[in-house]
Amino acid sequence: MNPRFAVYPGSFDPVTNGHLDILRRGLVVFDEVRVAVAYNQEKPSGLFTPAERVALLEEVTAQFGGRVSIDSFHGLLIDYCRRSGAGSIIRGLRAVADFEYEFQMTMMNRHLAPDIETVFLMADEQHFYTSSRLVKEVAALGGNVHGLVPSPLEQRLLAKVGRG
């Protein structure tokens, strides 16, 4: 396992500027980060398909050069980390509610793989309230999502929710 290589997992449906903020912060700590789109192949769901999310992430993370790679996976995160050689997992935190959920997941991951560390990074204050779920809901209900998602994604998101 490479301690300087981390996996940043999530649904990224859609990727938000908050996700990119956590990725920027992760690149301060790690030499390389793989953004890993998690999906459940038994329950296909989401606004964007896993392949669309990977393509969108490749587009909006090109600014980070060769230090960021994009992939998708299903199954246990720990298994994916082992296959990819990652020594750490990056998770973003916003509010206290995030901490409780993330703490449970981290303890289970530690049980399954005590050699893989989880690193928590706090979201910037301007992204503290942003979540993919909330962005989708606001977009679908006609609200303004400008500045919440990367510019190249905004029109695609609006089209997906029937506003484009």
N, C-alpha and C. Protein backbone atom coordinates (compact mmCIF):
# COMPACT_ATOMS: atom_id res chain seq x y z
N MET A 1 0.84 -1.19 0.00
CA MET A 1 0.00 0.00 0.00
C MET A 1 0.88 1.25 0.00
N ASN A 2 0.50 2.19 -0.82
CA ASN A 2 1.26 3.43 -0.92
C ASN A 2 0.63 4.49 -0.02
N PRO A 3 1.33 4.92 1.04
CA PRO A 3 0.76 5.91 1.96
C PRO A 3 0.59 7.29 1.34
N ARG A 4 1.20 7.55 0.20
CA ARG A 4 1.10 8.87 -0.46
C ARG A 4 0.04 8.87 -1.56
N PHE A 5 -0.70 7.75 -1.67
CA PHE A 5 -1.75 7.61 -2.66
C PHE A 5 -3.07 7.35 -1.93
N ALA A 6 -4.08 8.20 -2.21
CA ALA A 6 -5.36 8.08 -1.52
C ALA A 6 -6.50 7.93 -2.51
N VAL A 7 -7.55 7.29 -2.05
CA VAL A 7 -8.79 7.19 -2.80
C VAL A 7 -9.80 8.15 -2.16
N TYR A 8 -10.46 8.95 -3.01
CA TYR A 8 -11.52 9.85 -2.58
C TYR A 8 -12.82 9.30 -3.17
N PRO A 9 -13.56 8.49 -2.38
CA PRO A 9 -14.78 7.85 -2.89
C PRO A 9 -16.02 8.70 -2.69
N GLY A 10 -17.01 8.45 -3.50
CA GLY A 10 -18.30 9.10 -3.33
C GLY A 10 -19.19 8.79 -4.50
N SER A 11 -20.43 9.23 -4.41
CA SER A 11 -21.34 9.03 -5.53
C SER A 11 -21.11 10.10 -6.60
N PHE A 12 -20.76 11.30 -6.19
CA PHE A 12 -20.49 12.41 -7.12
C PHE A 12 -21.62 12.56 -8.14
N ASP A 13 -22.86 12.54 -7.65
CA ASP A 13 -24.04 12.59 -8.52
C ASP A 13 -24.91 13.79 -8.18
N PRO A 14 -24.52 14.97 -8.62
CA PRO A 14 -23.38 15.34 -9.45
C PRO A 14 -22.20 15.79 -8.59
N VAL A 15 -21.05 15.93 -9.24
CA VAL A 15 -19.88 16.50 -8.58
C VAL A 15 -20.19 17.98 -8.28
N THR A 16 -19.80 18.43 -7.09
CA THR A 16 -20.05 19.82 -6.70
C THR A 16 -18.72 20.54 -6.50
N ASN A 17 -18.79 21.85 -6.36
CA ASN A 17 -17.58 22.61 -6.05
C ASN A 17 -17.04 22.24 -4.67
N GLY A 18 -17.91 21.76 -3.80
CA GLY A 18 -17.46 21.27 -2.50
C GLY A 18 -16.58 20.04 -2.65
N HIS A 19 -16.95 19.14 -3.56
CA HIS A 19 -16.11 17.97 -3.82
C HIS A 19 -14.74 18.40 -4.33
N LEU A 20 -14.72 19.37 -5.24
CA LEU A 20 -13.45 19.83 -5.79
C LEU A 20 -12.61 20.51 -4.73
N ASP A 21 -13.25 21.19 -3.79
CA ASP A 21 -12.53 21.81 -2.66
C ASP A 21 -11.84 20.74 -1.82
N ILE A 22 -12.55 19.67 -1.50
CA ILE A 22 -11.95 18.58 -0.72
C ILE A 22 -10.81 17.94 -1.51
N LEU A 23 -10.99 17.77 -2.81
CA LEU A 23 -9.93 17.21 -3.64
C LEU A 23 -8.69 18.10 -3.61
N ARG A 24 -8.86 19.41 -3.75
CA ARG A 24 -7.72 20.34 -3.66
C ARG A 24 -6.98 20.17 -2.34
N ARG A 25 -7.73 20.08 -1.26
CA ARG A 25 -7.13 19.92 0.07
C ARG A 25 -6.41 18.58 0.18
N GLY A 26 -6.99 17.54 -0.42
CA GLY A 26 -6.36 16.23 -0.40
C GLY A 26 -5.02 16.23 -1.12
N LEU A 27 -4.92 17.01 -2.17
CA LEU A 27 -3.67 17.08 -2.93
C LEU A 27 -2.56 17.81 -2.18
N VAL A 28 -2.91 18.51 -1.12
CA VAL A 28 -1.89 19.11 -0.24
C VAL A 28 -1.24 18.02 0.60
N VAL A 29 -2.02 17.01 0.94
CA VAL A 29 -1.57 15.94 1.83
C VAL A 29 -0.98 14.76 1.06
N PHE A 30 -1.56 14.44 -0.09
CA PHE A 30 -1.17 13.24 -0.84
C PHE A 30 -0.56 13.60 -2.19
N ASP A 31 0.34 12.74 -2.64
CA ASP A 31 0.98 12.95 -3.95
C ASP A 31 0.00 12.67 -5.09
N GLU A 32 -0.86 11.68 -4.88
CA GLU A 32 -1.81 11.28 -5.92
C GLU A 32 -3.14 10.92 -5.26
N VAL A 33 -4.23 11.32 -5.92
CA VAL A 33 -5.57 11.00 -5.43
C VAL A 33 -6.37 10.40 -6.58
N ARG A 34 -7.03 9.30 -6.29
CA ARG A 34 -7.97 8.72 -7.25
C ARG A 34 -9.38 9.01 -6.76
N VAL A 35 -10.13 9.73 -7.57
CA VAL A 35 -11.54 9.98 -7.29
C VAL A 35 -12.28 8.75 -7.80
N ALA A 36 -13.01 8.09 -6.91
CA ALA A 36 -13.64 6.81 -7.22
C ALA A 36 -15.16 6.93 -7.08
N VAL A 37 -15.84 6.85 -8.20
CA VAL A 37 -17.29 6.92 -8.24
C VAL A 37 -17.86 5.58 -7.77
N ALA A 38 -18.55 5.61 -6.65
CA ALA A 38 -19.15 4.40 -6.08
C ALA A 38 -20.57 4.24 -6.63
N TYR A 39 -20.90 3.01 -6.99
CA TYR A 39 -22.26 2.73 -7.43
C TYR A 39 -22.62 1.30 -7.05
N ASN A 40 -23.91 1.06 -6.99
CA ASN A 40 -24.43 -0.26 -6.65
C ASN A 40 -25.01 -0.86 -7.92
N GLN A 41 -24.35 -1.86 -8.48
CA GLN A 41 -24.82 -2.41 -9.75
C GLN A 41 -26.13 -3.18 -9.61
N GLU A 42 -26.52 -3.55 -8.38
CA GLU A 42 -27.80 -4.23 -8.17
C GLU A 42 -28.96 -3.24 -8.15
N LYS A 43 -28.68 -1.97 -7.83
CA LYS A 43 -29.72 -0.95 -7.75
C LYS A 43 -29.30 0.26 -8.59
N PRO A 44 -29.42 0.16 -9.90
CA PRO A 44 -29.04 1.32 -10.71
C PRO A 44 -29.89 2.52 -10.33
N SER A 45 -29.24 3.58 -9.96
CA SER A 45 -29.96 4.80 -9.61
C SER A 45 -29.01 5.97 -9.78
N GLY A 46 -29.56 7.11 -9.69
CA GLY A 46 -28.78 8.31 -9.81
C GLY A 46 -29.25 9.13 -10.99
N LEU A 47 -28.97 10.39 -10.92
CA LEU A 47 -29.32 11.30 -12.00
C LEU A 47 -28.41 11.05 -13.20
N PHE A 48 -27.10 10.95 -12.92
CA PHE A 48 -26.11 10.67 -13.96
C PHE A 48 -25.67 9.22 -13.80
N THR A 49 -25.41 8.55 -14.91
CA THR A 49 -24.90 7.18 -14.85
C THR A 49 -23.47 7.21 -14.31
N PRO A 50 -22.96 6.08 -13.80
CA PRO A 50 -21.56 6.06 -13.36
C PRO A 50 -20.60 6.50 -14.46
N ALA A 51 -20.84 6.08 -15.70
CA ALA A 51 -19.96 6.47 -16.81
C ALA A 51 -20.02 7.98 -17.05
N GLU A 52 -21.20 8.57 -16.95
CA GLU A 52 -21.32 10.03 -17.11
C GLU A 52 -20.58 10.76 -15.99
N ARG A 53 -20.70 10.24 -14.76
CA ARG A 53 -20.02 10.88 -13.63
C ARG A 53 -18.51 10.82 -13.81
N VAL A 54 -18.00 9.67 -14.28
CA VAL A 54 -16.56 9.55 -14.53
C VAL A 54 -16.14 10.57 -15.58
N ALA A 55 -16.88 10.68 -16.67
CA ALA A 55 -16.53 11.62 -17.74
C ALA A 55 -16.56 13.06 -17.25
N LEU A 56 -17.58 13.42 -16.47
CA LEU A 56 -17.66 14.77 -15.92
C LEU A 56 -16.49 15.06 -14.98
N LEU A 57 -16.16 14.09 -14.15
CA LEU A 57 -15.04 14.26 -13.23
C LEU A 57 -13.72 14.40 -13.99
N GLU A 58 -13.55 13.62 -15.05
CA GLU A 58 -12.33 13.75 -15.84
C GLU A 58 -12.21 15.17 -16.41
N GLU A 59 -13.33 15.70 -16.85
CA GLU A 59 -13.34 17.05 -17.41
C GLU A 59 -13.00 18.11 -16.36
N VAL A 60 -13.64 18.05 -15.21
CA VAL A 60 -13.47 19.14 -14.23
C VAL A 60 -12.22 18.97 -13.35
N THR A 61 -11.57 17.81 -13.42
CA THR A 61 -10.34 17.64 -12.63
C THR A 61 -9.09 17.72 -13.49
N ALA A 62 -9.24 17.99 -14.78
CA ALA A 62 -8.08 18.10 -15.67
C ALA A 62 -7.11 19.17 -15.17
N GLN A 63 -7.62 20.18 -14.47
CA GLN A 63 -6.80 21.26 -13.92
C GLN A 63 -5.73 20.77 -12.95
N PHE A 64 -5.91 19.58 -12.39
CA PHE A 64 -4.96 19.06 -11.40
C PHE A 64 -3.84 18.23 -12.04
N GLY A 65 -3.90 18.07 -13.34
CA GLY A 65 -2.84 17.36 -14.05
C GLY A 65 -2.81 15.88 -13.69
N GLY A 66 -1.63 15.31 -13.75
CA GLY A 66 -1.46 13.88 -13.57
C GLY A 66 -1.58 13.39 -12.14
N ARG A 67 -1.84 14.26 -11.20
CA ARG A 67 -1.94 13.84 -9.79
C ARG A 67 -3.32 13.30 -9.43
N VAL A 68 -4.29 13.46 -10.33
CA VAL A 68 -5.65 13.00 -10.08
C VAL A 68 -6.06 12.03 -11.18
N SER A 69 -6.61 10.89 -10.77
CA SER A 69 -7.18 9.95 -11.73
C SER A 69 -8.62 9.68 -11.31
N ILE A 70 -9.42 9.22 -12.27
CA ILE A 70 -10.84 8.98 -12.03
C ILE A 70 -11.15 7.53 -12.37
N ASP A 71 -11.99 6.91 -11.56
CA ASP A 71 -12.39 5.52 -11.78
C ASP A 71 -13.77 5.34 -11.19
N SER A 72 -14.36 4.18 -11.38
CA SER A 72 -15.62 3.84 -10.72
C SER A 72 -15.48 2.43 -10.15
N PHE A 73 -16.30 2.14 -9.16
CA PHE A 73 -16.24 0.82 -8.54
C PHE A 73 -17.57 0.51 -7.87
N HIS A 74 -17.78 -0.77 -7.63
CA HIS A 74 -18.91 -1.22 -6.82
C HIS A 74 -18.34 -2.24 -5.83
N GLY A 75 -19.04 -2.45 -4.76
CA GLY A 75 -18.55 -3.37 -3.74
C GLY A 75 -17.94 -2.60 -2.57
N LEU A 76 -17.14 -3.31 -1.80
CA LEU A 76 -16.53 -2.71 -0.61
C LEU A 76 -15.41 -1.75 -1.00
N LEU A 77 -15.44 -0.59 -0.38
CA LEU A 77 -14.39 0.41 -0.62
C LEU A 77 -13.02 -0.14 -0.26
N ILE A 78 -12.92 -0.87 0.82
CA ILE A 78 -11.64 -1.43 1.26
C ILE A 78 -11.07 -2.37 0.20
N ASP A 79 -11.90 -3.17 -0.42
CA ASP A 79 -11.43 -4.05 -1.49
C ASP A 79 -10.90 -3.23 -2.66
N TYR A 80 -11.61 -2.16 -3.00
CA TYR A 80 -11.15 -1.29 -4.08
C TYR A 80 -9.80 -0.65 -3.74
N CYS A 81 -9.65 -0.19 -2.51
CA CYS A 81 -8.38 0.41 -2.08
C CYS A 81 -7.24 -0.59 -2.20
N ARG A 82 -7.48 -1.80 -1.77
CA ARG A 82 -6.44 -2.84 -1.87
C ARG A 82 -6.06 -3.11 -3.32
N ARG A 83 -7.07 -3.24 -4.19
CA ARG A 83 -6.79 -3.49 -5.62
C ARG A 83 -6.00 -2.34 -6.25
N SER A 84 -6.27 -1.12 -5.83
CA SER A 84 -5.62 0.03 -6.44
C SER A 84 -4.30 0.40 -5.76
N GLY A 85 -4.04 -0.17 -4.58
CA GLY A 85 -2.79 0.10 -3.88
C GLY A 85 -2.81 1.35 -3.01
N ALA A 86 -3.99 1.90 -2.76
CA ALA A 86 -4.11 3.11 -1.95
C ALA A 86 -3.91 2.80 -0.48
N GLY A 87 -3.17 3.65 0.20
CA GLY A 87 -2.94 3.48 1.63
C GLY A 87 -3.89 4.30 2.49
N SER A 88 -4.67 5.19 1.85
CA SER A 88 -5.55 6.08 2.61
C SER A 88 -6.84 6.34 1.85
N ILE A 89 -7.83 6.78 2.62
CA ILE A 89 -9.14 7.18 2.10
C ILE A 89 -9.36 8.62 2.53
N ILE A 90 -9.81 9.44 1.60
CA ILE A 90 -10.15 10.84 1.92
C ILE A 90 -11.66 10.93 2.05
N ARG A 91 -12.10 11.59 3.11
CA ARG A 91 -13.52 11.86 3.30
C ARG A 91 -13.69 13.32 3.68
N GLY A 92 -14.70 13.95 3.12
CA GLY A 92 -15.00 15.34 3.45
C GLY A 92 -16.04 15.40 4.55
N LEU A 93 -15.89 16.40 5.41
CA LEU A 93 -16.86 16.62 6.49
C LEU A 93 -17.45 18.02 6.36
N ARG A 94 -18.76 18.09 6.58
CA ARG A 94 -19.43 19.39 6.58
C ARG A 94 -19.99 19.68 7.96
N ALA A 95 -20.92 18.89 8.40
CA ALA A 95 -21.63 19.16 9.65
C ALA A 95 -21.50 17.98 10.60
N VAL A 96 -22.03 18.17 11.80
CA VAL A 96 -21.97 17.13 12.82
C VAL A 96 -22.64 15.85 12.32
N ALA A 97 -23.73 15.98 11.58
CA ALA A 97 -24.43 14.81 11.05
C ALA A 97 -23.50 13.99 10.15
N ASP A 98 -22.67 14.65 9.37
CA ASP A 98 -21.69 13.94 8.54
C ASP A 98 -20.76 13.12 9.41
N PHE A 99 -20.34 13.70 10.53
CA PHE A 99 -19.35 13.03 11.37
C PHE A 99 -19.88 11.70 11.88
N GLU A 100 -21.12 11.66 12.33
CA GLU A 100 -21.67 10.41 12.87
C GLU A 100 -21.66 9.30 11.82
N TYR A 101 -22.12 9.61 10.63
CA TYR A 101 -22.15 8.63 9.55
C TYR A 101 -20.73 8.21 9.17
N GLU A 102 -19.86 9.20 8.98
CA GLU A 102 -18.48 8.92 8.57
C GLU A 102 -17.73 8.14 9.65
N PHE A 103 -18.01 8.41 10.90
CA PHE A 103 -17.37 7.68 12.00
C PHE A 103 -17.73 6.21 11.93
N GLN A 104 -19.01 5.90 11.71
CA GLN A 104 -19.44 4.50 11.58
C GLN A 104 -18.73 3.81 10.43
N MET A 105 -18.70 4.47 9.28
CA MET A 105 -18.05 3.89 8.11
C MET A 105 -16.55 3.68 8.35
N THR A 106 -15.92 4.64 8.98
CA THR A 106 -14.48 4.53 9.25
C THR A 106 -14.19 3.38 10.20
N MET A 107 -15.00 3.22 11.20
CA MET A 107 -14.77 2.13 12.15
C MET A 107 -14.94 0.77 11.47
N MET A 108 -15.92 0.66 10.58
CA MET A 108 -16.10 -0.60 9.86
C MET A 108 -14.92 -0.83 8.92
N ASN A 109 -14.50 0.21 8.21
CA ASN A 109 -13.34 0.06 7.32
C ASN A 109 -12.09 -0.31 8.11
N ARG A 110 -11.93 0.28 9.28
CA ARG A 110 -10.77 -0.04 10.12
C ARG A 110 -10.82 -1.50 10.58
N HIS A 111 -12.03 -1.97 10.87
CA HIS A 111 -12.21 -3.38 11.24
C HIS A 111 -11.78 -4.29 10.09
N LEU A 112 -12.20 -3.93 8.87
CA LEU A 112 -11.91 -4.74 7.69
C LEU A 112 -10.46 -4.62 7.21
N ALA A 113 -9.88 -3.43 7.41
CA ALA A 113 -8.51 -3.18 6.90
C ALA A 113 -7.81 -2.17 7.80
N PRO A 114 -7.24 -2.63 8.91
CA PRO A 114 -6.61 -1.70 9.85
C PRO A 114 -5.40 -0.97 9.28
N ASP A 115 -4.87 -1.43 8.16
CA ASP A 115 -3.70 -0.80 7.57
C ASP A 115 -4.04 0.35 6.61
N ILE A 116 -5.32 0.57 6.35
CA ILE A 116 -5.73 1.67 5.47
C ILE A 116 -6.34 2.77 6.33
N GLU A 117 -5.73 3.95 6.27
CA GLU A 117 -6.16 5.08 7.10
C GLU A 117 -7.23 5.90 6.40
N THR A 118 -8.11 6.50 7.19
CA THR A 118 -9.08 7.45 6.68
C THR A 118 -8.69 8.83 7.17
N VAL A 119 -8.64 9.79 6.26
CA VAL A 119 -8.29 11.17 6.58
C VAL A 119 -9.52 12.03 6.30
N PHE A 120 -9.93 12.79 7.31
CA PHE A 120 -11.08 13.67 7.18
C PHE A 120 -10.61 15.09 6.89
N LEU A 121 -11.23 15.71 5.90
CA LEU A 121 -10.92 17.08 5.54
C LEU A 121 -12.19 17.91 5.65
N MET A 122 -12.08 19.05 6.28
CA MET A 122 -13.24 19.93 6.46
C MET A 122 -13.51 20.71 5.19
N ALA A 123 -14.78 20.81 4.84
CA ALA A 123 -15.17 21.62 3.70
C ALA A 123 -14.96 23.09 4.01
N ASP A 124 -14.62 23.86 3.00
CA ASP A 124 -14.51 25.30 3.14
C ASP A 124 -15.88 25.86 3.53
N GLU A 125 -15.89 26.96 4.24
CA GLU A 125 -17.15 27.53 4.72
C GLU A 125 -18.14 27.85 3.59
N GLN A 126 -17.65 28.20 2.42
CA GLN A 126 -18.57 28.50 1.32
C GLN A 126 -19.23 27.25 0.76
N HIS A 127 -18.71 26.07 1.09
CA HIS A 127 -19.28 24.81 0.61
C HIS A 127 -19.88 23.98 1.74
N PHE A 128 -19.95 24.54 2.91
CA PHE A 128 -20.35 23.79 4.10
C PHE A 128 -21.75 23.20 3.98
N TYR A 129 -22.64 23.86 3.28
CA TYR A 129 -24.03 23.41 3.17
C TYR A 129 -24.30 22.64 1.88
N THR A 130 -23.33 22.55 1.00
CA THR A 130 -23.54 21.97 -0.32
C THR A 130 -23.47 20.45 -0.29
N SER A 131 -24.46 19.80 -0.85
CA SER A 131 -24.44 18.35 -1.04
C SER A 131 -25.03 18.05 -2.41
N SER A 132 -24.64 16.94 -2.99
CA SER A 132 -25.18 16.54 -4.30
C SER A 132 -26.70 16.42 -4.24
N ARG A 133 -27.20 15.82 -3.19
CA ARG A 133 -28.65 15.63 -3.05
C ARG A 133 -29.37 16.98 -3.06
N LEU A 134 -28.87 17.92 -2.30
CA LEU A 134 -29.50 19.24 -2.21
C LEU A 134 -29.39 19.99 -3.53
N VAL A 135 -28.25 19.90 -4.20
CA VAL A 135 -28.07 20.57 -5.49
C VAL A 135 -29.06 20.01 -6.51
N LYS A 136 -29.25 18.69 -6.55
CA LYS A 136 -30.22 18.09 -7.48
C LYS A 136 -31.63 18.59 -7.18
N GLU A 137 -31.97 18.63 -5.91
CA GLU A 137 -33.31 19.05 -5.51
C GLU A 137 -33.56 20.51 -5.89
N VAL A 138 -32.61 21.38 -5.61
CA VAL A 138 -32.75 22.80 -5.94
C VAL A 138 -32.86 22.98 -7.46
N ALA A 139 -32.03 22.28 -8.21
CA ALA A 139 -32.07 22.38 -9.67
C ALA A 139 -33.43 21.91 -10.19
N ALA A 140 -33.93 20.81 -9.68
CA ALA A 140 -35.21 20.25 -10.14
C ALA A 140 -36.38 21.18 -9.82
N LEU A 141 -36.26 21.92 -8.72
CA LEU A 141 -37.36 22.80 -8.30
C LEU A 141 -37.22 24.22 -8.86
N GLY A 142 -36.26 24.42 -9.75
CA GLY A 142 -36.15 25.71 -10.42
C GLY A 142 -35.24 26.71 -9.75
N GLY A 143 -34.49 26.28 -8.74
CA GLY A 143 -33.59 27.19 -8.04
C GLY A 143 -32.27 27.40 -8.76
N ASN A 144 -31.52 28.36 -8.29
CA ASN A 144 -30.24 28.74 -8.88
C ASN A 144 -29.12 27.88 -8.28
N VAL A 145 -28.43 27.12 -9.12
CA VAL A 145 -27.30 26.29 -8.66
C VAL A 145 -25.97 26.84 -9.15
N HIS A 146 -25.99 28.03 -9.73
CA HIS A 146 -24.75 28.65 -10.20
C HIS A 146 -23.77 28.81 -9.04
N GLY A 147 -22.54 28.38 -9.24
CA GLY A 147 -21.52 28.47 -8.20
C GLY A 147 -21.48 27.26 -7.28
N LEU A 148 -22.48 26.39 -7.37
CA LEU A 148 -22.50 25.19 -6.53
C LEU A 148 -21.88 24.00 -7.24
N VAL A 149 -21.92 24.02 -8.55
CA VAL A 149 -21.32 22.95 -9.37
C VAL A 149 -20.33 23.58 -10.33
N PRO A 150 -19.36 22.81 -10.80
CA PRO A 150 -18.42 23.36 -11.78
C PRO A 150 -19.16 23.88 -13.01
N SER A 151 -18.70 24.99 -13.55
CA SER A 151 -19.37 25.63 -14.70
C SER A 151 -19.69 24.68 -15.85
N PRO A 152 -18.74 23.80 -16.27
CA PRO A 152 -19.06 22.90 -17.38
C PRO A 152 -20.22 21.95 -17.11
N LEU A 153 -20.56 21.76 -15.85
CA LEU A 153 -21.61 20.81 -15.47
C LEU A 153 -22.98 21.47 -15.34
N GLU A 154 -23.03 22.76 -15.11
CA GLU A 154 -24.30 23.41 -14.77
C GLU A 154 -25.40 23.17 -15.81
N GLN A 155 -25.13 23.39 -17.08
CA GLN A 155 -26.15 23.20 -18.12
C GLN A 155 -26.56 21.73 -18.25
N ARG A 156 -25.61 20.83 -18.09
CA ARG A 156 -25.93 19.40 -18.18
C ARG A 156 -26.84 18.97 -17.03
N LEU A 157 -26.57 19.53 -15.85
CA LEU A 157 -27.41 19.23 -14.70
C LEU A 157 -28.83 19.74 -14.94
N LEU A 158 -28.95 20.97 -15.42
CA LEU A 158 -30.28 21.53 -15.67
C LEU A 158 -31.02 20.73 -16.73
N ALA A 159 -30.31 20.27 -17.75
CA ALA A 159 -30.94 19.44 -18.78
C ALA A 159 -31.42 18.11 -18.19
N LYS A 160 -30.63 17.53 -17.30
CA LYS A 160 -31.01 16.23 -16.69
C LYS A 160 -32.27 16.34 -15.85
N VAL A 161 -32.48 17.51 -15.23
CA VAL A 161 -33.67 17.67 -14.38
C VAL A 161 -34.82 18.32 -15.15
N GLY A 162 -34.66 18.42 -16.48
CA GLY A 162 -35.74 18.91 -17.32
C GLY A 162 -35.83 20.42 -17.44
N ARG A 163 -34.73 21.11 -17.17
CA ARG A 163 -34.74 22.58 -17.26
C ARG A 163 -33.82 23.09 -18.37
N GLY A 164 -33.29 22.20 -19.21
CA GLY A 164 -32.33 22.63 -20.22
C GLY A 164 -32.92 22.62 -21.53
